[in-house]
Amino acid sequence: MEVVATIVEQAVPPESIADAFIEFTPSRATLVVSREDQLLEGKVDLVWGANPQTIIIPANTMIRALEAEVTVEMYVKKFPDRDAYYPIYMAPRSR
């Protein structure tokens, strides 16, 4: 009998590939998807890893909408070709 792993069992935890884990409080709301890169403006509180100064949501990438002044937890990864980071996982702040 062949056992097939579920998608969850095959998923890579974001913390294993992220360059940083931050708490981010946006100064303005973001769109769920945009045809252009979205620069995230707001306060970054570093939990661990690199200290991202610029966070960008790439064009045509669907994300959870961010509300102004509502803090979220975010794992970010550095773009390979520019001095900026992009979110790979976002969730409401747990603490």
Protein backbone atom coordinates (compact mmCIF):
# COMPACT_ATOMS: atom_id res chain seq x y z
CA MET A 1 0.00 0.00 0.00
CA GLU A 2 1.45 3.36 -1.09
CA VAL A 3 1.23 6.25 1.37
CA VAL A 4 0.87 9.71 -0.15
CA ALA A 5 2.08 12.67 1.94
CA THR A 6 -0.24 15.62 2.33
CA ILE A 7 0.71 19.09 1.14
CA VAL A 8 1.22 20.18 4.76
CA GLU A 9 3.67 17.33 5.34
CA GLN A 10 5.66 18.41 2.28
CA ALA A 11 5.60 22.16 3.02
CA VAL A 12 8.78 23.98 3.98
CA PRO A 13 8.39 25.98 7.21
CA PRO A 14 8.90 29.69 6.45
CA GLU A 15 11.39 30.11 9.31
CA SER A 16 13.73 27.63 7.64
CA ILE A 17 14.14 29.80 4.52
CA ALA A 18 13.50 33.32 5.86
CA ASP A 19 16.28 35.87 6.29
CA ALA A 20 14.40 37.58 9.12
CA PHE A 21 11.34 37.45 11.33
CA ILE A 22 9.78 40.81 12.14
CA GLU A 23 6.76 42.44 13.64
CA PHE A 24 5.54 44.99 11.11
CA THR A 25 3.11 47.84 11.74
CA PRO A 26 2.07 49.42 8.43
CA SER A 27 1.53 53.16 8.34
CA ARG A 28 -1.03 52.71 5.55
CA ALA A 29 -3.24 49.93 4.23
CA THR A 30 -2.07 47.71 1.36
CA LEU A 31 -3.90 46.14 -1.54
CA VAL A 32 -4.45 42.40 -1.75
CA VAL A 33 -2.85 42.38 -5.20
CA SER A 34 -1.32 45.13 -7.31
CA ARG A 35 0.00 45.34 -10.86
CA GLU A 36 3.01 47.22 -9.51
CA ASP A 37 5.43 46.54 -6.67
CA GLN A 38 4.07 47.79 -3.35
CA LEU A 39 6.54 49.42 -0.98
CA LEU A 40 5.52 48.66 2.58
CA GLU A 41 5.84 51.71 4.79
CA GLY A 42 5.70 51.40 8.55
CA LYS A 43 7.54 50.33 11.68
CA VAL A 44 9.77 47.24 11.69
CA ASP A 45 10.54 45.51 14.99
CA LEU A 46 13.22 42.88 14.41
CA VAL A 47 12.67 39.59 16.23
CA TRP A 48 15.60 37.73 14.63
CA GLY A 49 17.78 37.76 11.51
CA ALA A 50 18.73 40.54 9.12
CA ASN A 51 17.29 44.02 9.69
CA PRO A 52 15.22 44.78 6.57
CA GLN A 53 15.10 48.49 5.76
CA THR A 54 13.00 48.07 2.60
CA ILE A 55 10.13 45.61 2.24
CA ILE A 56 8.39 45.23 -1.11
CA ILE A 57 5.42 43.15 -2.18
CA PRO A 58 6.22 42.17 -5.78
CA ALA A 59 3.74 43.03 -8.53
CA ASN A 60 0.97 40.50 -9.17
CA THR A 61 1.56 38.77 -5.83
CA MET A 62 -1.53 38.06 -3.76
CA ILE A 63 -1.12 38.79 -0.05
CA ARG A 64 -3.37 39.25 2.94
CA ALA A 65 -4.44 42.88 3.07
CA LEU A 66 -2.70 44.92 5.74
CA GLU A 67 -4.60 47.49 7.77
CA ALA A 68 -2.90 50.73 8.80
CA GLU A 69 -1.51 50.58 12.36
CA VAL A 70 -2.38 46.86 12.82
CA THR A 71 0.78 44.87 13.62
CA VAL A 72 1.45 41.54 11.90
CA GLU A 73 4.21 38.97 12.18
CA MET A 74 6.15 38.52 9.00
CA TYR A 75 8.91 36.27 7.69
CA VAL A 76 10.88 38.02 4.96
CA LYS A 77 13.44 36.96 2.36
CA LYS A 78 16.00 39.15 0.59
CA PHE A 79 15.59 39.67 -3.14
CA PRO A 80 18.61 38.14 -4.90
CA ASP A 81 19.04 41.16 -7.18
CA ARG A 82 18.30 44.22 -4.99
CA ASP A 83 18.70 45.56 -1.48
CA ALA A 84 15.13 44.87 -0.39
CA TYR A 85 13.09 42.09 1.18
CA TYR A 86 9.74 40.48 0.37
CA PRO A 87 7.27 38.72 2.68
CA ILE A 88 7.06 34.94 2.50
CA TYR A 89 4.60 34.56 5.38
CA MET A 90 2.31 36.93 7.31
CA ALA A 91 0.00 36.34 10.24
CA PRO A 92 -1.71 38.36 12.95
CA ARG A 93 0.62 39.16 15.86
CA SER A 94 0.50 36.32 18.37
CA ARG A 95 1.73 38.23 21.41
